[in-house]
Structures are given as C-alpha cells and as structure tokens.
Amino acid sequence: MFNAAKLGAISLLFVTSLSFNLNASSSFLYQALKYPQTVKSWSMGGAFTGVAEGISAGFFNPAGFASKGSYYAYQDLGYQHHQYQTYKSYISYLSPFGYSYLVQEDHQDNRVELQTFSYARPGETGVDWGLNYKKVRLIASDNRQEGWSSDLGLWIHLLPFMNIGITAQDVFQQNLDLPT
C-alpha cells in the first residue's frame, strides 16, 4: 500500500535533487551574478532594482546610470568570518557610463571576478533604459570559466517619488553555464 507519507518523502527527494543540480562552483558563480551586494543594497535586503542609481546601478539595474552625476566608491564588505573570505568592489560612473569591478572569494578558494561596463540613456517619456556587458571569470577547484553576459534594465518614473525597476539579467551570454 502506497501511503501519503511515502509520497511526501519521494516528492521531497525529487524537489531537493532539482534544487541541488548546480555544482558548488556554478552555484558560487550564480550567486555572484544574480545577487551581488553593495553596502546600500545589503541594508535594503537586496530589494534594490527599483532604486538602483549611481554606483550600484551596474550590478542591479544599468538604467540607473541615466541619473546625472559622477562617483567613485571602494567597498570591502568584510566577510572574513562568514560566507566569503573576500568581497570587494570598485565602482565608478560618469553619467551615462559606468564601470564596476567585483571580487568574491569563499573559504574553499573559489573566486569570481566580475567586470561590468554599462551605458544608460534617459528617456523623454519617463522610461530610462540601460545595458551592461559583464566580463566574468570563475576560478574554482572543480571548474574554471571565462565568459561574458549582458543585462538590460528599465527604470520607469511613475511619480517624482516612485520608480519601478525591471532588469533582465544575463539576457545574452557566452561561455557561461548559467540559467538566464
């Protein structure tokens, strides 16, 4: 007799096997590309796509570089005793162009280097757009990858105090084994 407990256990094993289909280094690379962190985004719990402007726009929504201004920042998030051994970023922008360099290294000596070149254009109808090119290098014990990907971002200004951000991550990519 096949009971509900057995069916539940089999379902749980199936779902668990699907969630662990990436090996450790691919998972590390996926985290670096899909969930980068800056001081400001970290303080907002990662909910940053709609307000990403200035220095953090290259990682979250390249349309944020359409905002007028210029900036340079160096961030060391000091993860030494947590998930990462190193997490540093160098970010600069002079609207409408941006450049970012991010280095992540975990305690197993997996390392990701991410260079981002971005361009944004303010829209006359309240919709800004941006595009970036990300050069990616992964160095891990079980994997070594070099490739690139590109994000497309929109920043919609609904009201003077309300924006909506939409980012399509890794729309175009080459030599990277990642889900889009």
Protein backbone atom coordinates (compact mmCIF):
# COMPACT_ATOMS: atom_id res chain seq x y z
CA MET A 1 0.00 0.00 0.00
CA PHE A 2 1.38 3.37 -1.02
CA ASN A 3 0.57 5.92 1.68
CA ALA A 4 0.77 9.72 1.82
CA ALA A 5 3.98 9.71 3.91
CA LYS A 6 5.87 7.75 1.24
CA LEU A 7 4.52 10.01 -1.49
CA GLY A 8 5.59 13.07 0.52
CA ALA A 9 9.09 11.66 1.08
CA ILE A 10 9.54 10.87 -2.62
CA SER A 11 8.29 14.34 -3.57
CA LEU A 12 10.70 15.95 -1.11
CA LEU A 13 13.64 13.97 -2.51
CA PHE A 14 12.69 14.93 -6.05
CA VAL A 15 12.41 18.65 -5.24
CA THR A 16 15.67 18.55 -3.27
CA SER A 17 17.51 16.91 -6.16
CA LEU A 18 16.26 19.64 -8.51
CA SER A 19 17.44 22.41 -6.20
CA PHE A 20 20.97 20.99 -5.96
CA ASN A 21 21.56 20.49 -9.67
CA LEU A 22 24.32 23.11 -9.78
CA ASN A 23 27.76 22.08 -8.55
CA ALA A 24 29.46 24.18 -5.88
CA SER A 25 31.43 26.43 -8.21
CA SER A 26 28.46 27.06 -10.54
CA SER A 27 26.38 27.93 -7.51
CA PHE A 28 29.07 30.36 -6.36
CA LEU A 29 29.14 31.99 -9.80
CA TYR A 30 25.33 32.12 -9.89
CA GLN A 31 25.26 33.94 -6.53
CA ALA A 32 27.87 36.46 -7.71
CA LEU A 33 25.99 37.29 -10.91
CA LYS A 34 22.40 37.21 -9.69
CA TYR A 35 22.75 38.55 -6.15
CA PRO A 36 25.70 40.94 -5.90
CA GLN A 37 25.84 43.11 -2.81
CA THR A 38 26.82 46.65 -2.04
CA VAL A 39 26.53 48.40 1.30
CA LYS A 40 23.27 50.09 0.31
CA SER A 41 21.67 47.01 -1.28
CA TRP A 42 22.72 44.88 1.68
CA SER A 43 20.99 47.28 4.07
CA MET A 44 17.83 47.02 1.95
CA GLY A 45 17.85 43.22 1.93
CA GLY A 46 18.58 43.07 -1.80
CA ALA A 47 15.34 44.82 -2.80
CA PHE A 48 17.22 47.32 -4.87
CA THR A 49 16.33 47.10 -8.57
CA GLY A 50 13.80 49.97 -8.46
CA VAL A 51 16.12 52.39 -6.65
CA ALA A 52 19.48 51.39 -8.13
CA GLU A 53 21.10 54.55 -9.38
CA GLY A 54 24.62 55.80 -9.34
CA ILE A 55 27.40 53.48 -8.26
CA SER A 56 25.32 50.33 -7.71
CA ALA A 57 23.39 50.50 -10.96
CA GLY A 58 25.88 48.33 -12.86
CA PHE A 59 25.15 45.33 -10.65
CA PHE A 60 21.40 45.77 -10.23
CA ASN A 61 19.84 47.87 -12.98
CA PRO A 62 22.03 49.53 -15.62
CA ALA A 63 19.25 52.06 -16.35
CA GLY A 64 20.23 53.77 -13.07
CA PHE A 65 23.28 55.28 -14.78
CA ALA A 66 20.90 57.61 -16.64
CA SER A 67 20.77 59.74 -13.47
CA LYS A 68 23.03 62.75 -13.76
CA GLY A 69 26.21 62.65 -11.71
CA SER A 70 29.57 61.07 -11.15
CA TYR A 71 31.01 58.97 -8.36
CA TYR A 72 33.76 56.59 -7.30
CA ALA A 73 33.50 54.06 -4.48
CA TYR A 74 35.53 51.26 -2.98
CA GLN A 75 33.64 48.79 -0.83
CA ASP A 76 35.03 45.99 1.30
CA LEU A 77 32.13 44.23 2.97
CA GLY A 78 34.40 42.49 5.50
CA TYR A 79 33.01 38.97 5.30
CA GLN A 80 36.19 37.30 6.61
CA HIS A 81 34.43 35.11 9.16
CA HIS A 82 31.21 34.46 7.26
CA GLN A 83 30.36 33.09 3.84
CA TYR A 84 33.12 34.90 1.96
CA GLN A 85 36.80 35.38 2.61
CA THR A 86 36.93 38.41 0.29
CA TYR A 87 34.15 40.61 -1.09
CA LYS A 88 35.43 43.84 -2.60
CA SER A 89 34.16 46.15 -5.28
CA TYR A 90 35.48 49.18 -7.12
CA ILE A 91 32.75 51.22 -8.78
CA SER A 92 32.80 54.43 -10.76
CA TYR A 93 30.42 56.25 -13.00
CA LEU A 94 30.19 59.41 -15.00
CA SER A 95 26.66 59.50 -16.32
CA PRO A 96 25.71 57.84 -18.67
CA PHE A 97 28.70 55.45 -18.37
CA GLY A 98 29.61 53.13 -15.52
CA TYR A 99 32.38 50.70 -14.65
CA SER A 100 32.44 48.14 -11.83
CA TYR A 101 34.93 45.53 -10.69
CA LEU A 102 33.90 42.94 -8.11
CA VAL A 103 36.00 40.22 -6.47
CA GLN A 104 34.45 37.46 -4.38
CA GLU A 105 36.35 34.61 -2.77
CA ASP A 106 34.94 31.99 -0.42
CA HIS A 107 36.71 29.84 2.17
CA GLN A 108 37.20 26.98 -0.35
CA ASP A 109 39.29 29.31 -2.57
CA ASN A 110 36.57 29.63 -5.20
CA ARG A 111 36.98 33.05 -6.79
CA VAL A 112 34.80 35.17 -9.06
CA GLU A 113 35.97 38.32 -10.79
CA LEU A 114 33.30 40.41 -12.45
CA GLN A 115 33.95 43.48 -14.61
CA THR A 116 30.92 45.46 -15.70
CA PHE A 117 30.79 48.15 -18.39
CA SER A 118 27.45 49.98 -18.53
CA TYR A 119 25.65 52.56 -20.62
CA ALA A 120 22.29 54.19 -19.91
CA ARG A 121 20.02 56.58 -21.69
CA PRO A 122 17.35 58.79 -20.10
CA GLY A 123 14.01 58.53 -21.79
CA GLU A 124 11.87 61.51 -22.69
CA THR A 125 8.69 59.72 -21.63
CA GLY A 126 9.84 58.87 -18.10
CA VAL A 127 11.37 55.50 -19.01
CA ASP A 128 15.16 55.21 -18.76
CA TRP A 129 16.99 52.22 -20.20
CA GLY A 130 20.43 50.78 -19.71
CA LEU A 131 22.59 47.95 -20.94
CA ASN A 132 25.71 46.40 -19.48
CA TYR A 133 28.41 43.99 -20.53
CA LYS A 134 29.80 41.75 -17.79
CA LYS A 135 33.13 40.00 -18.21
CA VAL A 136 33.18 37.05 -15.84
CA ARG A 137 36.00 34.85 -14.60
CA LEU A 138 35.49 31.91 -12.24
CA ILE A 139 38.43 30.08 -10.70
CA ALA A 140 37.43 27.06 -8.63
CA SER A 141 38.84 23.69 -7.69
CA ASP A 142 36.32 21.81 -9.87
CA ASN A 143 35.64 24.39 -12.56
CA ARG A 144 37.22 27.25 -14.48
CA GLN A 145 35.13 29.51 -16.66
CA GLU A 146 35.64 32.73 -18.55
CA GLY A 147 32.82 34.32 -20.42
CA TRP A 148 30.51 37.27 -20.64
CA SER A 149 26.89 38.16 -20.19
CA SER A 150 24.72 41.21 -20.58
CA ASP A 151 21.80 42.73 -18.66
CA LEU A 152 19.05 45.03 -19.89
CA GLY A 153 17.37 47.37 -17.42
CA LEU A 154 14.42 49.74 -17.38
CA TRP A 155 13.70 52.40 -14.83
CA ILE A 156 10.14 53.71 -15.02
CA HIS A 157 9.42 57.03 -13.26
CA LEU A 158 5.76 56.82 -12.26
CA LEU A 159 5.75 59.79 -9.89
CA PRO A 160 8.52 62.07 -8.60
CA PHE A 161 8.82 59.82 -5.55
CA MET A 162 8.00 56.44 -7.12
CA ASN A 163 10.04 54.35 -9.58
CA ILE A 164 9.72 50.84 -10.88
CA GLY A 165 12.85 48.98 -11.91
CA ILE A 166 12.89 45.98 -14.22
CA THR A 167 16.07 44.06 -15.04
CA ALA A 168 16.50 41.14 -17.40
CA GLN A 169 19.72 39.51 -16.20
CA ASP A 170 22.11 37.59 -18.41
CA VAL A 171 19.94 38.08 -21.49
CA PHE A 172 22.90 37.40 -23.74
CA GLN A 173 25.76 35.22 -22.57
CA GLN A 174 28.67 33.25 -23.91
CA ASN A 175 30.82 30.54 -22.32
CA LEU A 176 28.86 30.61 -19.05
CA ASP A 177 26.90 27.64 -17.78
CA LEU A 178 24.12 29.54 -16.03
CA PRO A 179 20.35 29.67 -16.19
CA THR A 180 19.07 33.02 -17.50
